[in-house]
C-alpha atoms as a PDB file:
ATOM      1  CA  MET A   1     -17.978 -60.180 -23.893  1.00  0.00           C
ATOM      2  CA  ALA A   2     -19.795 -57.020 -22.084  1.00  0.00           C
ATOM      3  CA  SER A   3     -22.020 -55.440 -24.430  1.00  0.00           C
ATOM      4  CA  LEU A   4     -21.459 -51.968 -26.343  1.00  0.00           C
ATOM      5  CA  SER A   5     -24.570 -50.492 -23.661  1.00  0.00           C
ATOM      6  CA  THR A   6     -22.625 -51.882 -20.853  1.00  0.00           C
ATOM      7  CA  ILE A   7     -19.248 -50.357 -21.757  1.00  0.00           C
ATOM      8  CA  LYS A   8     -20.925 -46.926 -22.516  1.00  0.00           C
ATOM      9  CA  ALA A   9     -22.733 -47.265 -19.088  1.00  0.00           C
ATOM     10  CA  PRO A  10     -20.739 -44.211 -17.485  1.00  0.00           C
ATOM     11  CA  ILE A  11     -20.814 -41.951 -21.089  1.00  0.00           C
ATOM     12  CA  ASN A  12     -24.784 -42.506 -21.204  1.00  0.00           C
ATOM     13  CA  LYS A  13     -25.796 -38.737 -20.667  1.00  0.00           C
ATOM     14  CA  GLU A  14     -22.890 -37.351 -22.881  1.00  0.00           C
ATOM     15  CA  MET A  15     -23.129 -40.205 -25.623  1.00  0.00           C
ATOM     16  CA  ARG A  16     -27.360 -38.824 -25.480  1.00  0.00           C
ATOM     17  CA  GLU A  17     -26.121 -35.687 -25.783  1.00  0.00           C
ATOM     18  CA  PHE A  18     -23.240 -36.069 -28.707  1.00  0.00           C
ATOM     19  CA  GLU A  19     -26.186 -37.433 -31.109  1.00  0.00           C
ATOM     20  CA  SER A  20     -27.964 -33.831 -31.317  1.00  0.00           C
ATOM     21  CA  TYR A  21     -24.011 -32.196 -31.260  1.00  0.00           C
ATOM     22  CA  PHE A  22     -23.083 -34.186 -33.901  1.00  0.00           C
ATOM     23  CA  LYS A  23     -25.857 -33.685 -36.358  1.00  0.00           C
ATOM     24  CA  SER A  24     -25.938 -29.889 -35.811  1.00  0.00           C
ATOM     25  CA  SER A  25     -22.129 -30.420 -37.035  1.00  0.00           C
ATOM     26  CA  MET A  26     -23.009 -31.749 -40.456  1.00  0.00           C
ATOM     27  CA  LYS A  27     -25.906 -29.097 -40.836  1.00  0.00           C
ATOM     28  CA  THR A  28     -25.886 -27.397 -43.994  1.00  0.00           C
ATOM     29  CA  LYS A  29     -28.230 -24.932 -46.548  1.00  0.00           C
ATOM     30  CA  VAL A  30     -27.496 -27.757 -49.230  1.00  0.00           C
ATOM     31  CA  PRO A  31     -30.370 -29.922 -49.551  1.00  0.00           C
ATOM     32  CA  LEU A  32     -28.869 -32.142 -51.091  1.00  0.00           C
ATOM     33  CA  LEU A  33     -25.992 -32.246 -49.298  1.00  0.00           C
ATOM     34  CA  ASN A  34     -28.473 -32.717 -46.042  1.00  0.00           C
ATOM     35  CA  HIS A  35     -30.346 -35.256 -47.608  1.00  0.00           C
ATOM     36  CA  ILE A  36     -27.211 -37.393 -47.750  1.00  0.00           C
ATOM     37  CA  THR A  37     -26.488 -36.593 -44.426  1.00  0.00           C
ATOM     38  CA  ASN A  38     -29.421 -37.378 -42.932  1.00  0.00           C
ATOM     39  CA  TYR A  39     -28.408 -40.917 -45.040  1.00  0.00           C
ATOM     40  CA  ILE A  40     -25.174 -40.942 -42.978  1.00  0.00           C
ATOM     41  CA  LEU A  41     -26.799 -40.218 -39.688  1.00  0.00           C
ATOM     42  CA  ARG A  42     -29.412 -42.989 -39.861  1.00  0.00           C
ATOM     43  CA  ARG A  43     -27.069 -45.628 -40.512  1.00  0.00           C
ATOM     44  CA  LYS A  44     -24.279 -44.964 -38.065  1.00  0.00           C
ATOM     45  CA  GLY A  45     -22.136 -47.814 -36.753  1.00  0.00           C
ATOM     46  CA  LYS A  46     -21.340 -48.753 -33.099  1.00  0.00           C
ATOM     47  CA  GLN A  47     -19.675 -45.077 -32.762  1.00  0.00           C
ATOM     48  CA  LEU A  48     -16.362 -46.931 -31.268  1.00  0.00           C
ATOM     49  CA  ARG A  49     -14.488 -43.944 -31.573  1.00  0.00           C
ATOM     50  CA  PRO A  50     -16.554 -41.309 -29.714  1.00  0.00           C
ATOM     51  CA  VAL A  51     -17.100 -43.908 -27.233  1.00  0.00           C
ATOM     52  CA  LEU A  52     -12.920 -43.597 -26.461  1.00  0.00           C
ATOM     53  CA  VAL A  53     -12.920 -40.080 -26.909  1.00  0.00           C
ATOM     54  CA  PHE A  54     -15.925 -39.986 -23.618  1.00  0.00           C
ATOM     55  CA  LEU A  55     -13.962 -42.901 -21.351  1.00  0.00           C
ATOM     56  CA  SER A  56     -10.759 -40.966 -21.960  1.00  0.00           C
ATOM     57  CA  ALA A  57     -12.382 -37.781 -21.103  1.00  0.00           C
ATOM     58  CA  ARG A  58     -14.315 -39.671 -18.041  1.00  0.00           C
ATOM     59  CA  ILE A  59     -11.662 -41.536 -16.005  1.00  0.00           C
ATOM     60  CA  MET A  60      -9.002 -38.277 -15.824  1.00  0.00           C
ATOM     61  CA  GLY A  61     -12.339 -35.963 -15.196  1.00  0.00           C
ATOM     62  CA  GLU A  62     -15.651 -34.066 -16.070  1.00  0.00           C
ATOM     63  CA  PRO A  63     -16.281 -34.643 -20.330  1.00  0.00           C
ATOM     64  CA  ASN A  64     -16.545 -31.184 -21.257  1.00  0.00           C
ATOM     65  CA  ARG A  65     -17.278 -29.003 -24.297  1.00  0.00           C
ATOM     66  CA  SER A  66     -13.591 -29.642 -25.587  1.00  0.00           C
ATOM     67  CA  THR A  67     -14.415 -33.203 -25.541  1.00  0.00           C
ATOM     68  CA  PHE A  68     -17.425 -32.640 -27.494  1.00  0.00           C
ATOM     69  CA  THR A  69     -15.281 -30.795 -30.249  1.00  0.00           C
ATOM     70  CA  ALA A  70     -12.569 -33.919 -29.635  1.00  0.00           C
ATOM     71  CA  ALA A  71     -15.886 -36.487 -30.438  1.00  0.00           C
ATOM     72  CA  ALA A  72     -17.428 -34.843 -33.609  1.00  0.00           C
ATOM     73  CA  LEU A  73     -13.861 -33.725 -35.085  1.00  0.00           C
ATOM     74  CA  ILE A  74     -13.016 -37.174 -35.050  1.00  0.00           C
ATOM     75  CA  GLU A  75     -16.298 -39.158 -35.599  1.00  0.00           C
ATOM     76  CA  LEU A  76     -16.169 -36.815 -38.879  1.00  0.00           C
ATOM     77  CA  LEU A  77     -13.215 -37.609 -39.941  1.00  0.00           C
ATOM     78  CA  HIS A  78     -13.549 -40.723 -39.872  1.00  0.00           C
ATOM     79  CA  THR A  79     -17.141 -40.989 -41.788  1.00  0.00           C
ATOM     80  CA  ALA A  80     -14.993 -39.171 -44.526  1.00  0.00           C
ATOM     81  CA  THR A  81     -12.407 -41.488 -45.067  1.00  0.00           C
ATOM     82  CA  LEU A  82     -15.116 -44.517 -44.716  1.00  0.00           C
ATOM     83  CA  ILE A  83     -16.440 -42.749 -47.846  1.00  0.00           C
ATOM     84  CA  HIS A  84     -13.460 -41.811 -49.541  1.00  0.00           C
ATOM     85  CA  ASP A  85     -12.518 -45.433 -48.640  1.00  0.00           C
ATOM     86  CA  ASP A  86     -15.654 -47.099 -50.670  1.00  0.00           C
ATOM     87  CA  VAL A  87     -14.434 -45.057 -53.817  1.00  0.00           C
ATOM     88  CA  VAL A  88     -11.332 -46.108 -53.724  1.00  0.00           C
ATOM     89  CA  ASP A  89     -11.699 -49.721 -53.246  1.00  0.00           C
ATOM     90  CA  ASP A  90     -15.245 -49.618 -55.606  1.00  0.00           C
ATOM     91  CA  SER A  91     -17.238 -50.605 -52.570  1.00  0.00           C
ATOM     92  CA  TYR A  92     -21.225 -50.843 -52.990  1.00  0.00           C
ATOM     93  CA  GLU A  93     -21.628 -51.602 -49.317  1.00  0.00           C
ATOM     94  CA  ARG A  94     -21.354 -50.704 -45.977  1.00  0.00           C
ATOM     95  CA  ARG A  95     -22.357 -51.598 -42.537  1.00  0.00           C
ATOM     96  CA  GLY A  96     -24.709 -53.812 -44.400  1.00  0.00           C
ATOM     97  CA  PHE A  97     -26.397 -50.512 -46.526  1.00  0.00           C
ATOM     98  CA  PHE A  98     -25.587 -49.067 -49.683  1.00  0.00           C
ATOM     99  CA  SER A  99     -22.601 -47.031 -49.456  1.00  0.00           C
ATOM    100  CA  LEU A 100     -23.039 -43.756 -50.632  1.00  0.00           C
ATOM    101  CA  TYR A 101     -20.334 -44.352 -53.642  1.00  0.00           C
ATOM    102  CA  ALA A 102     -23.137 -46.702 -54.394  1.00  0.00           C
ATOM    103  CA  ILE A 103     -26.088 -44.225 -54.683  1.00  0.00           C
ATOM    104  CA  TRP A 104     -24.521 -40.940 -55.445  1.00  0.00           C
ATOM    105  CA  LYS A 105     -21.749 -41.822 -57.183  1.00  0.00           C
ATOM    106  CA  THR A 106     -18.177 -40.846 -57.047  1.00  0.00           C
ATOM    107  CA  LYS A 107     -18.205 -37.149 -57.181  1.00  0.00           C
ATOM    108  CA  ILE A 108     -20.584 -36.376 -55.034  1.00  0.00           C
ATOM    109  CA  ALA A 109     -19.232 -39.096 -52.464  1.00  0.00           C
ATOM    110  CA  VAL A 110     -15.908 -37.869 -52.844  1.00  0.00           C
ATOM    111  CA  LEU A 111     -17.263 -34.076 -52.511  1.00  0.00           C
ATOM    112  CA  VAL A 112     -19.184 -35.215 -49.259  1.00  0.00           C
ATOM    113  CA  GLY A 113     -16.208 -36.597 -47.716  1.00  0.00           C
ATOM    114  CA  ASP A 114     -14.019 -33.489 -48.519  1.00  0.00           C
ATOM    115  CA  TYR A 115     -17.461 -31.498 -46.432  1.00  0.00           C
ATOM    116  CA  LEU A 116     -17.119 -33.946 -43.427  1.00  0.00           C
ATOM    117  CA  LEU A 117     -13.366 -33.704 -43.214  1.00  0.00           C
ATOM    118  CA  SER A 118     -14.060 -29.841 -43.659  1.00  0.00           C
ATOM    119  CA  ARG A 119     -16.314 -28.990 -41.080  1.00  0.00           C
ATOM    120  CA  GLY A 120     -14.584 -31.472 -38.115  1.00  0.00           C
ATOM    121  CA  LEU A 121     -11.572 -28.887 -39.234  1.00  0.00           C
ATOM    122  CA  LEU A 122     -13.983 -25.687 -39.080  1.00  0.00           C
ATOM    123  CA  LEU A 123     -15.453 -26.839 -35.867  1.00  0.00           C
ATOM    124  CA  ALA A 124     -12.270 -27.225 -33.854  1.00  0.00           C
ATOM    125  CA  VAL A 125     -10.649 -23.767 -35.480  1.00  0.00           C
ATOM    126  CA  SER A 126     -14.378 -21.728 -34.333  1.00  0.00           C
ATOM    127  CA  GLU A 127     -13.775 -23.758 -30.678  1.00  0.00           C
ATOM    128  CA  LYS A 128     -10.414 -22.677 -30.618  1.00  0.00           C
ATOM    129  CA  GLU A 129      -8.986 -25.765 -29.718  1.00  0.00           C
ATOM    130  CA  TYR A 130      -5.799 -26.202 -31.593  1.00  0.00           C
ATOM    131  CA  GLN A 131      -4.170 -28.798 -29.168  1.00  0.00           C
ATOM    132  CA  ILE A 132      -6.887 -30.813 -30.839  1.00  0.00           C
ATOM    133  CA  LEU A 133      -6.674 -29.864 -33.934  1.00  0.00           C
ATOM    134  CA  GLU A 134      -2.546 -30.477 -34.588  1.00  0.00           C
ATOM    135  CA  ILE A 135      -3.297 -34.383 -32.434  1.00  0.00           C
ATOM    136  CA  VAL A 136      -6.185 -35.137 -35.012  1.00  0.00           C
ATOM    137  CA  SER A 137      -4.128 -33.820 -37.672  1.00  0.00           C
ATOM    138  CA  GLU A 138      -1.320 -35.567 -37.233  1.00  0.00           C
ATOM    139  CA  ALA A 139      -3.042 -38.990 -37.582  1.00  0.00           C
ATOM    140  CA  VAL A 140      -5.037 -37.594 -40.521  1.00  0.00           C
ATOM    141  CA  LYS A 141      -0.858 -37.509 -42.109  1.00  0.00           C
ATOM    142  CA  GLU A 142      -0.293 -41.301 -40.211  1.00  0.00           C
ATOM    143  CA  MET A 143      -3.100 -42.670 -41.571  1.00  0.00           C
ATOM    144  CA  SER A 144      -2.525 -41.158 -45.020  1.00  0.00           C
ATOM    145  CA  GLU A 145       0.890 -42.827 -44.985  1.00  0.00           C
ATOM    146  CA  GLY A 146       0.223 -46.397 -43.710  1.00  0.00           C
ATOM    147  CA  GLU A 147      -2.676 -46.752 -46.286  1.00  0.00           C
ATOM    148  CA  LEU A 148       0.414 -45.690 -49.747  1.00  0.00           C
ATOM    149  CA  TYR A 149       2.502 -47.874 -47.616  1.00  0.00           C
ATOM    150  CA  GLN A 150       0.214 -50.450 -47.450  1.00  0.00           C
ATOM    151  CA  ILE A 151      -0.626 -49.882 -51.042  1.00  0.00           C
ATOM    152  CA  GLN A 152       3.165 -49.828 -52.506  1.00  0.00           C
ATOM    153  CA  LYS A 153       3.623 -53.595 -50.684  1.00  0.00           C
ATOM    154  CA  SER A 154       1.041 -54.791 -52.472  1.00  0.00           C
ATOM    155  CA  ARG A 155       2.300 -54.154 -55.456  1.00  0.00           C
ATOM    156  CA  LYS A 156       5.795 -56.343 -54.781  1.00  0.00           C
ATOM    157  CA  LEU A 157       4.030 -58.926 -52.086  1.00  0.00           C
ATOM    158  CA  ASN A 158       6.765 -58.400 -49.814  1.00  0.00           C
ATOM    159  CA  ILE A 159       5.557 -57.473 -46.985  1.00  0.00           C
ATOM    160  CA  THR A 160       7.299 -58.328 -43.685  1.00  0.00           C
ATOM    161  CA  GLU A 161       6.109 -58.760 -39.793  1.00  0.00           C
ATOM    162  CA  GLU A 162       7.474 -55.797 -38.822  1.00  0.00           C
ATOM    163  CA  GLU A 163       6.004 -53.781 -41.851  1.00  0.00           C
ATOM    164  CA  TYR A 164       3.131 -55.255 -41.341  1.00  0.00           C
ATOM    165  CA  PHE A 165       2.464 -54.039 -37.369  1.00  0.00           C
ATOM    166  CA  ASP A 166       4.288 -50.592 -38.708  1.00  0.00           C
ATOM    167  CA  ILE A 167       1.184 -50.262 -41.535  1.00  0.00           C
ATOM    168  CA  ILE A 168      -1.421 -51.103 -39.226  1.00  0.00           C
ATOM    169  CA  ARG A 169      -0.134 -48.693 -36.337  1.00  0.00           C
ATOM    170  CA  LYS A 170      -0.573 -45.645 -38.722  1.00  0.00           C
ATOM    171  CA  LYS A 171      -3.562 -46.240 -40.627  1.00  0.00           C
ATOM    172  CA  THR A 172      -6.227 -48.244 -37.555  1.00  0.00           C
ATOM    173  CA  ALA A 173      -4.300 -47.179 -33.907  1.00  0.00           C
ATOM    174  CA  THR A 174      -3.108 -43.753 -34.847  1.00  0.00           C
ATOM    175  CA  LEU A 175      -6.818 -42.562 -34.879  1.00  0.00           C
ATOM    176  CA  MET A 176      -7.512 -43.852 -31.608  1.00  0.00           C
ATOM    177  CA  ILE A 177      -4.823 -43.100 -30.284  1.00  0.00           C
ATOM    178  CA  ALA A 178      -5.762 -39.210 -31.356  1.00  0.00           C
ATOM    179  CA  CYS A 179      -9.027 -40.426 -29.733  1.00  0.00           C
ATOM    180  CA  ALA A 180      -7.716 -41.346 -26.336  1.00  0.00           C
ATOM    181  CA  GLY A 181      -5.089 -38.432 -26.737  1.00  0.00           C
ATOM    182  CA  SER A 182      -7.992 -35.652 -27.325  1.00  0.00           C
ATOM    183  CA  GLY A 183     -10.254 -36.836 -24.696  1.00  0.00           C
ATOM    184  CA  ALA A 184      -7.810 -36.668 -21.995  1.00  0.00           C
ATOM    185  CA  SER A 185      -6.476 -33.793 -22.511  1.00  0.00           C
ATOM    186  CA  SER A 186      -9.203 -32.375 -22.975  1.00  0.00           C
ATOM    187  CA  VAL A 187     -10.104 -32.502 -19.290  1.00  0.00           C
ATOM    188  CA  SER A 188      -6.479 -32.646 -17.520  1.00  0.00           C
ATOM    189  CA  ASN A 189      -2.615 -31.490 -17.941  1.00  0.00           C
ATOM    190  CA  ASP A 190      -1.596 -35.082 -16.619  1.00  0.00           C
ATOM    191  CA  ASP A 191       0.879 -36.055 -19.562  1.00  0.00           C
ATOM    192  CA  TYR A 192       1.960 -39.169 -17.650  1.00  0.00           C
ATOM    193  CA  LYS A 193      -1.723 -40.412 -17.390  1.00  0.00           C
ATOM    194  CA  ILE A 194      -2.501 -38.915 -20.904  1.00  0.00           C
ATOM    195  CA  GLY A 195       0.397 -41.500 -22.304  1.00  0.00           C
ATOM    196  CA  LYS A 196      -0.710 -44.080 -20.299  1.00  0.00           C
ATOM    197  CA  LEU A 197      -3.964 -43.842 -22.401  1.00  0.00           C
ATOM    198  CA  LYS A 198      -2.733 -43.244 -25.810  1.00  0.00           C
ATOM    199  CA  GLN A 199      -0.591 -46.647 -25.144  1.00  0.00           C
ATOM    200  CA  TYR A 200      -4.248 -48.031 -23.971  1.00  0.00           C
ATOM    201  CA  ALA A 201      -5.426 -47.172 -27.827  1.00  0.00           C
ATOM    202  CA  GLU A 202      -2.057 -47.667 -29.432  1.00  0.00           C
ATOM    203  CA  HIS A 203      -2.703 -51.538 -28.459  1.00  0.00           C
ATOM    204  CA  ALA A 204      -5.893 -51.421 -28.685  1.00  0.00           C
ATOM    205  CA  GLY A 205      -6.332 -50.621 -32.028  1.00  0.00           C
ATOM    206  CA  ILE A 206      -3.749 -52.945 -33.408  1.00  0.00           C
ATOM    207  CA  ALA A 207      -5.834 -55.663 -31.437  1.00  0.00           C
ATOM    208  CA  PHE A 208      -8.794 -53.318 -33.536  1.00  0.00           C
ATOM    209  CA  GLN A 209      -6.705 -54.210 -37.017  1.00  0.00           C
ATOM    210  CA  ILE A 210      -5.854 -58.423 -36.731  1.00  0.00           C
ATOM    211  CA  LYS A 211      -9.281 -58.695 -35.864  1.00  0.00           C
ATOM    212  CA  ASP A 212     -10.255 -56.804 -38.933  1.00  0.00           C
ATOM    213  CA  ASP A 213      -7.943 -59.634 -40.950  1.00  0.00           C
ATOM    214  CA  ILE A 214      -8.736 -62.326 -39.049  1.00  0.00           C
ATOM    215  CA  PHE A 215     -11.749 -62.058 -40.569  1.00  0.00           C
ATOM    216  CA  ASP A 216     -11.621 -62.154 -44.190  1.00  0.00           C
ATOM    217  CA  TYR A 217      -9.901 -65.818 -43.291  1.00  0.00           C
ATOM    218  CA  GLN A 218     -13.470 -66.564 -41.654  1.00  0.00           C
ATOM    219  CA  LYS A 219     -16.672 -67.723 -42.424  1.00  0.00           C
ATOM    220  CA  ASN A 220     -19.227 -64.871 -42.338  1.00  0.00           C
ATOM    221  CA  GLY A 221     -22.598 -63.826 -43.420  1.00  0.00           C
ATOM    222  CA  ILE A 222     -25.334 -66.343 -45.176  1.00  0.00           C
ATOM    223  CA  ILE A 223     -23.202 -67.963 -47.364  1.00  0.00           C
ATOM    224  CA  GLY A 224     -21.037 -69.533 -44.952  1.00  0.00           C
ATOM    225  CA  LYS A 225     -17.717 -68.551 -46.074  1.00  0.00           C
ATOM    226  CA  PRO A 226     -14.787 -66.082 -46.260  1.00  0.00           C
ATOM    227  CA  THR A 227     -15.052 -62.741 -47.711  1.00  0.00           C
ATOM    228  CA  ALA A 228     -11.164 -62.879 -48.523  1.00  0.00           C
ATOM    229  CA  ASN A 229     -11.515 -59.055 -49.528  1.00  0.00           C
ATOM    230  CA  ASP A 230      -7.940 -58.686 -48.771  1.00  0.00           C
ATOM    231  CA  ILE A 231      -6.766 -61.834 -50.700  1.00  0.00           C
ATOM    232  CA  LYS A 232      -8.123 -60.368 -53.487  1.00  0.00           C
ATOM    233  CA  GLU A 233      -7.172 -56.674 -53.047  1.00  0.00           C
ATOM    234  CA  LYS A 234      -3.393 -58.508 -52.757  1.00  0.00           C
ATOM    235  CA  LYS A 235      -3.231 -57.205 -49.475  1.00  0.00           C
ATOM    236  CA  ILE A 236      -1.023 -59.316 -47.199  1.00  0.00           C
ATOM    237  CA  THR A 237      -2.125 -59.321 -43.398  1.00  0.00           C
ATOM    238  CA  LEU A 238      -0.849 -61.085 -40.347  1.00  0.00           C
ATOM    239  CA  PRO A 239      -2.536 -64.393 -40.852  1.00  0.00           C
ATOM    240  CA  LEU A 240      -1.089 -65.107 -44.967  1.00  0.00           C
ATOM    241  CA  ILE A 241       2.487 -63.227 -43.336  1.00  0.00           C
ATOM    242  CA  TYR A 242       2.923 -66.007 -40.407  1.00  0.00           C
ATOM    243  CA  ALA A 243       1.692 -69.191 -42.828  1.00  0.00           C
ATOM    244  CA  LEU A 244       4.572 -67.517 -45.705  1.00  0.00           C
ATOM    245  CA  SER A 245       7.109 -67.313 -42.589  1.00  0.00           C
ATOM    246  CA  ASN A 246       6.527 -71.189 -42.347  1.00  0.00           C
ATOM    247  CA  ALA A 247       6.454 -72.781 -46.012  1.00  0.00           C
ATOM    248  CA  SER A 248       9.185 -73.473 -48.750  1.00  0.00           C
ATOM    249  CA  MET A 249      10.572 -71.309 -50.590  1.00  0.00           C
ATOM    250  CA  ARG A 250       8.913 -73.230 -53.796  1.00  0.00           C
ATOM    251  CA  LYS A 251       5.300 -72.755 -52.029  1.00  0.00           C
ATOM    252  CA  LYS A 252       5.919 -69.596 -50.818  1.00  0.00           C
ATOM    253  CA  ARG A 253       6.053 -68.820 -54.529  1.00  0.00           C
ATOM    254  CA  GLU A 254       3.312 -70.853 -55.509  1.00  0.00           C
ATOM    255  CA  ILE A 255       1.162 -68.875 -53.069  1.00  0.00           C
ATOM    256  CA  LEU A 256       2.033 -65.613 -53.929  1.00  0.00           C
ATOM    257  CA  ARG A 257       1.620 -66.660 -57.726  1.00  0.00           C
ATOM    258  CA  LEU A 258      -2.318 -67.282 -57.211  1.00  0.00           C
ATOM    259  CA  ILE A 259      -2.897 -64.481 -55.522  1.00  0.00           C
ATOM    260  CA  ARG A 260      -0.790 -61.994 -58.055  1.00  0.00           C
ATOM    261  CA  ARG A 261      -2.719 -63.827 -61.016  1.00  0.00           C
ATOM    262  CA  ASN A 262      -6.002 -64.638 -59.373  1.00  0.00           C
ATOM    263  CA  SER A 263      -7.261 -62.317 -57.452  1.00  0.00           C
ATOM    264  CA  ASN A 264     -11.125 -63.079 -58.648  1.00  0.00           C
ATOM    265  CA  ASN A 265     -10.868 -66.734 -58.912  1.00  0.00           C
ATOM    266  CA  SER A 266     -12.718 -68.130 -56.144  1.00  0.00           C
ATOM    267  CA  SER A 267     -11.571 -71.840 -56.612  1.00  0.00           C
ATOM    268  CA  LYS A 268      -7.214 -70.546 -56.310  1.00  0.00           C
ATOM    269  CA  ILE A 269      -8.649 -67.819 -53.643  1.00  0.00           C
ATOM    270  CA  GLN A 270     -10.013 -71.186 -51.732  1.00  0.00           C
ATOM    271  CA  LYS A 271      -6.323 -72.343 -51.933  1.00  0.00           C
ATOM    272  CA  VAL A 272      -4.655 -69.556 -50.405  1.00  0.00           C
ATOM    273  CA  ILE A 273      -6.943 -69.429 -47.647  1.00  0.00           C
ATOM    274  CA  ASP A 274      -6.468 -73.645 -47.074  1.00  0.00           C
ATOM    275  CA  PHE A 275      -3.186 -72.803 -47.187  1.00  0.00           C
ATOM    276  CA  VAL A 276      -3.135 -70.212 -44.200  1.00  0.00           C
ATOM    277  CA  LEU A 277      -5.645 -72.128 -42.198  1.00  0.00           C
ATOM    278  CA  SER A 278      -3.382 -75.812 -42.008  1.00  0.00           C
ATOM    279  CA  ARG A 279      -0.346 -73.112 -41.262  1.00  0.00           C
ATOM    280  CA  LYS A 280      -1.739 -72.000 -37.807  1.00  0.00           C
ATOM    281  CA  GLY A 281      -2.270 -68.531 -40.097  1.00  0.00           C
ATOM    282  CA  LEU A 282      -4.864 -68.148 -37.396  1.00  0.00           C
ATOM    283  CA  GLU A 283      -4.304 -69.431 -34.729  1.00  0.00           C
ATOM    284  CA  TYR A 284      -1.103 -67.161 -34.628  1.00  0.00           C
ATOM    285  CA  ALA A 285      -2.703 -63.830 -35.378  1.00  0.00           C
ATOM    286  CA  ILE A 286      -5.653 -64.325 -32.566  1.00  0.00           C
ATOM    287  CA  GLU A 287      -2.287 -64.938 -30.288  1.00  0.00           C
ATOM    288  CA  LYS A 288      -0.958 -61.515 -31.607  1.00  0.00           C
ATOM    289  CA  MET A 289      -4.815 -59.665 -31.331  1.00  0.00           C
ATOM    290  CA  GLU A 290      -5.201 -61.608 -27.303  1.00  0.00           C
ATOM    291  CA  GLU A 291      -1.121 -59.961 -26.592  1.00  0.00           C
ATOM    292  CA  HIS A 292      -2.273 -56.286 -27.617  1.00  0.00           C
ATOM    293  CA  LYS A 293      -5.581 -56.130 -25.852  1.00  0.00           C
ATOM    294  CA  GLN A 294      -3.283 -57.613 -22.521  1.00  0.00           C
ATOM    295  CA  LYS A 295      -1.120 -54.958 -23.401  1.00  0.00           C
ATOM    296  CA  ALA A 296      -4.467 -52.444 -23.751  1.00  0.00           C
ATOM    297  CA  ILE A 297      -5.494 -53.520 -20.728  1.00  0.00           C
ATOM    298  CA  ASP A 298      -2.160 -53.143 -18.674  1.00  0.00           C
ATOM    299  CA  SER A 299      -1.708 -49.788 -19.695  1.00  0.00           C
ATOM    300  CA  LEU A 300      -4.850 -49.003 -17.222  1.00  0.00           C
ATOM    301  CA  SER A 301      -2.841 -50.423 -13.991  1.00  0.00           C
ATOM    302  CA  ASP A 302      -1.744 -46.945 -12.297  1.00  0.00           C
ATOM    303  CA  PHE A 303      -5.412 -45.668 -12.561  1.00  0.00           C
ATOM    304  CA  PRO A 304      -7.644 -46.416  -9.892  1.00  0.00           C
ATOM    305  CA  ASP A 305     -10.607 -48.859 -10.300  1.00  0.00           C
ATOM    306  CA  ASN A 306     -13.474 -46.682 -11.294  1.00  0.00           C
ATOM    307  CA  GLU A 307     -16.878 -47.277 -13.904  1.00  0.00           C
ATOM    308  CA  ALA A 308     -14.925 -45.643 -16.412  1.00  0.00           C
ATOM    309  CA  LYS A 309     -11.351 -47.989 -16.057  1.00  0.00           C
ATOM    310  CA  SER A 310     -14.076 -50.901 -16.227  1.00  0.00           C
ATOM    311  CA  SER A 311     -15.527 -49.456 -19.784  1.00  0.00           C
ATOM    312  CA  LEU A 312     -12.045 -48.922 -21.101  1.00  0.00           C
ATOM    313  CA  ILE A 313     -11.186 -52.757 -19.733  1.00  0.00           C
ATOM    314  CA  ASP A 314     -14.506 -54.337 -21.502  1.00  0.00           C
ATOM    315  CA  LEU A 315     -13.991 -51.935 -24.992  1.00  0.00           C
ATOM    316  CA  ALA A 316     -10.360 -54.105 -25.308  1.00  0.00           C
ATOM    317  CA  GLY A 317     -12.250 -57.266 -24.912  1.00  0.00           C
ATOM    318  CA  TYR A 318     -15.166 -56.403 -27.069  1.00  0.00           C
ATOM    319  CA  ILE A 319     -12.762 -55.331 -29.760  1.00  0.00           C
ATOM    320  CA  THR A 320     -10.847 -59.069 -30.383  1.00  0.00           C
ATOM    321  CA  GLN A 321     -14.196 -60.477 -29.600  1.00  0.00           C
ATOM    322  CA  ARG A 322     -16.825 -58.921 -32.025  1.00  0.00           C
ATOM    323  CA  SER A 323     -18.738 -60.695 -34.576  1.00  0.00           C
ATOM    324  CA  ARG A 324     -17.926 -57.916 -36.835  1.00  0.00           C
END
């Protein structure tokens, strides 16, 4: 597996410049808000989305100011959604550190998320990047629909595989499509190649979410146990969907009853995990994840071989092989 530093190699200069550009986009005259945004900046993640924006621009041409605006807008949006997710999920941890919600509680966390989203929108407006704003606004709409659809299906515990893929395309792949689309369109008007990069991002995004869903059933961290967060939240993901599809009606009712009534009972949750493992649910999910990784790579076949293309191919591999 290629390292993230290797993947970033063709855009090292842009990523270094992006650090200061992104930091300046969060500045405010409110001391508390500056304190909180500095906390966010010190604990930034892998920045896969800005990387995808810049690589999509690089494979099409030379990244420019519009590319930086797109990367900043998307990273501000993504950070805002993570903050809001922690409030909704009552999560006290994010990337191995205390979440904003854990430290500053609900009201401040929600307001900071709102602030970051508004900063991103204002940045795009001030730069007159209306096409990028349209792309990202469409992504926000789709992400919201995906999350609400998943909540609806979680209440009934009746999600099909087709519905699962529709949900993860909306809630995860959509933002990655926006990354590729805004990055590519910031430097080119070639609709065909922009479309191919969007295809790449869609399949990479689906593979990314399947990988996240697989983590729920794998041993994790110091305690060496699966997190089972999806099961606790009554989210039916691909490993479980496949296992249930290969079970008798009686067994299916038993497992769904365990999920519905015992979401905080560790021994009952372990029974669900054991059921998924025994019915090859993980193997099936891994197979589907690899299929989408390959579809992402195949989407790049019309691009000439260069460093950016190699990095995008490696990024698809990194998404499916990462340890977290």
